[in-house]
C-alpha atoms as a PDB file:
ATOM      1  CA  UNK A   1      67.615  54.748 175.916  1.00  0.00           C
ATOM      2  CA  UNK A   2      69.258  54.374 172.676  1.00  0.00           C
ATOM      3  CA  UNK A   3      71.469  57.484 171.648  1.00  0.00           C
ATOM      4  CA  UNK A   4      69.705  57.865 168.380  1.00  0.00           C
ATOM      5  CA  UNK A   5      66.473  58.944 170.205  1.00  0.00           C
ATOM      6  CA  UNK A   6      68.386  62.080 171.349  1.00  0.00           C
ATOM      7  CA  UNK A   7      69.820  62.886 168.084  1.00  0.00           C
ATOM      8  CA  UNK A   8      69.147  65.862 165.728  1.00  0.00           C
ATOM      9  CA  UNK A   9      66.481  64.977 162.984  1.00  0.00           C
ATOM     10  CA  UNK A  10      67.865  64.248 159.550  1.00  0.00           C
ATOM     11  CA  UNK A  11      71.500  64.321 160.720  1.00  0.00           C
ATOM     12  CA  UNK A  12      73.870  62.706 158.086  1.00  0.00           C
ATOM     13  CA  UNK A  13      75.360  60.352 160.606  1.00  0.00           C
ATOM     14  CA  UNK A  14      71.875  58.872 161.080  1.00  0.00           C
ATOM     15  CA  UNK A  15      71.534  58.330 157.447  1.00  0.00           C
ATOM     16  CA  UNK A  16      74.880  56.552 157.302  1.00  0.00           C
ATOM     17  CA  UNK A  17      73.889  54.242 160.159  1.00  0.00           C
ATOM     18  CA  UNK A  18      70.472  53.428 158.649  1.00  0.00           C
ATOM     19  CA  UNK A  19      72.020  52.741 155.270  1.00  0.00           C
ATOM     20  CA  UNK A  20      74.568  50.299 156.700  1.00  0.00           C
ATOM     21  CA  UNK A  21      72.052  48.562 158.951  1.00  0.00           C
ATOM     22  CA  UNK A  22      69.643  48.105 156.053  1.00  0.00           C
ATOM     23  CA  UNK A  23      72.333  45.991 154.343  1.00  0.00           C
ATOM     24  CA  UNK A  24      72.634  43.509 157.243  1.00  0.00           C
ATOM     25  CA  UNK A  25      71.320  40.053 156.617  1.00  0.00           C
ATOM     26  CA  UNK A  26      68.965  39.015 159.509  1.00  0.00           C
ATOM     27  CA  UNK A  27      70.464  35.487 159.791  1.00  0.00           C
ATOM     28  CA  UNK A  28      73.970  36.950 160.296  1.00  0.00           C
ATOM     29  CA  UNK A  29      73.059  39.476 162.987  1.00  0.00           C
ATOM     30  CA  UNK A  30      74.835  39.384 166.303  1.00  0.00           C
ATOM     31  CA  UNK A  31      72.990  40.067 169.722  1.00  0.00           C
ATOM     32  CA  UNK A  32      71.089  43.385 169.582  1.00  0.00           C
ATOM     33  CA  UNK A  33      73.687  45.393 171.553  1.00  0.00           C
ATOM     34  CA  UNK A  34      76.372  44.400 169.175  1.00  0.00           C
ATOM     35  CA  UNK A  35      74.357  44.681 165.902  1.00  0.00           C
ATOM     36  CA  UNK A  36      72.217  47.752 166.484  1.00  0.00           C
ATOM     37  CA  UNK A  37      72.715  49.022 170.004  1.00  0.00           C
ATOM     38  CA  UNK A  38      75.332  51.063 171.891  1.00  0.00           C
ATOM     39  CA  UNK A  39      78.187  48.866 170.833  1.00  0.00           C
ATOM     40  CA  UNK A  40      77.296  49.161 167.151  1.00  0.00           C
ATOM     41  CA  UNK A  41      76.930  53.056 167.534  1.00  0.00           C
ATOM     42  CA  UNK A  42      80.502  53.030 169.048  1.00  0.00           C
ATOM     43  CA  UNK A  43      81.797  51.085 166.175  1.00  0.00           C
ATOM     44  CA  UNK A  44      80.151  53.489 163.694  1.00  0.00           C
ATOM     45  CA  UNK A  45      81.661  56.457 165.395  1.00  0.00           C
ATOM     46  CA  UNK A  46      85.151  54.829 165.140  1.00  0.00           C
ATOM     47  CA  UNK A  47      84.555  54.046 161.506  1.00  0.00           C
ATOM     48  CA  UNK A  48      83.313  57.378 160.288  1.00  0.00           C
ATOM     49  CA  UNK A  49      84.452  59.891 163.110  1.00  0.00           C
ATOM     50  CA  UNK A  50      81.301  62.053 162.605  1.00  0.00           C
ATOM     51  CA  UNK A  51      80.826  65.658 163.764  1.00  0.00           C
ATOM     52  CA  UNK A  52      78.667  64.847 166.830  1.00  0.00           C
ATOM     53  CA  UNK A  53      78.569  65.691 170.401  1.00  0.00           C
ATOM     54  CA  UNK A  54      78.011  63.062 173.140  1.00  0.00           C
ATOM     55  CA  UNK A  55      76.031  63.972 176.225  1.00  0.00           C
ATOM     56  CA  UNK A  56      76.475  61.938 179.396  1.00  0.00           C
ATOM     57  CA  UNK A  57      73.885  59.480 180.299  1.00  0.00           C
ATOM     58  CA  UNK A  58      72.748  61.407 183.463  1.00  0.00           C
ATOM     59  CA  UNK A  59      71.880  64.346 181.239  1.00  0.00           C
ATOM     60  CA  UNK A  60      68.863  62.211 180.210  1.00  0.00           C
ATOM     61  CA  UNK A  61      68.458  60.111 183.252  1.00  0.00           C
ATOM     62  CA  UNK A  62      69.841  61.813 186.404  1.00  0.00           C
ATOM     63  CA  UNK A  63      68.671  59.009 188.753  1.00  0.00           C
ATOM     64  CA  UNK A  64      70.914  56.077 188.596  1.00  0.00           C
ATOM     65  CA  UNK A  65      69.558  52.441 189.477  1.00  0.00           C
ATOM     66  CA  UNK A  66      71.614  52.566 192.571  1.00  0.00           C
ATOM     67  CA  UNK A  67      69.726  55.591 193.925  1.00  0.00           C
ATOM     68  CA  UNK A  68      72.443  58.105 193.246  1.00  0.00           C
ATOM     69  CA  UNK A  69      71.232  61.290 191.735  1.00  0.00           C
ATOM     70  CA  UNK A  70      73.497  63.340 189.543  1.00  0.00           C
ATOM     71  CA  UNK A  71      72.950  67.149 190.022  1.00  0.00           C
ATOM     72  CA  UNK A  72      75.959  68.608 188.545  1.00  0.00           C
ATOM     73  CA  UNK A  73      75.908  70.416 185.174  1.00  0.00           C
ATOM     74  CA  UNK A  74      76.615  67.886 182.380  1.00  0.00           C
ATOM     75  CA  UNK A  75      79.994  67.948 180.499  1.00  0.00           C
ATOM     76  CA  UNK A  76      79.372  67.676 176.832  1.00  0.00           C
ATOM     77  CA  UNK A  77      82.250  66.527 174.737  1.00  0.00           C
ATOM     78  CA  UNK A  78      82.991  66.291 171.117  1.00  0.00           C
ATOM     79  CA  UNK A  79      83.256  62.789 169.853  1.00  0.00           C
ATOM     80  CA  UNK A  80      86.584  62.307 168.180  1.00  0.00           C
ATOM     81  CA  UNK A  81      88.416  58.901 167.817  1.00  0.00           C
ATOM     82  CA  UNK A  82      91.769  59.742 166.514  1.00  0.00           C
ATOM     83  CA  UNK A  83      94.553  57.157 166.393  1.00  0.00           C
ATOM     84  CA  UNK A  84      95.962  58.290 169.667  1.00  0.00           C
ATOM     85  CA  UNK A  85      92.594  58.371 171.576  1.00  0.00           C
ATOM     86  CA  UNK A  86      90.766  55.764 173.589  1.00  0.00           C
ATOM     87  CA  UNK A  87      87.384  54.475 172.306  1.00  0.00           C
ATOM     88  CA  UNK A  88      84.275  56.256 173.940  1.00  0.00           C
END
């Protein structure tokens, strides 16, 4: 599931992403996970530091492929990537 599916409609961060993606040249695209997937989203967050919250994956899919089921209440965190913080 791509994180944009769970985003707020008409969020300004979505507009920024779509504007930037529309400028990419198809012949110069990297593999999808790098150009338009989760890695690309991480890079956009690092670049623009938007006012967003990131939900853990088990919030949307509590059953892991290994069979583990996450039942605890999800911890929602504010996505900030200052100079002293590790990437998400």
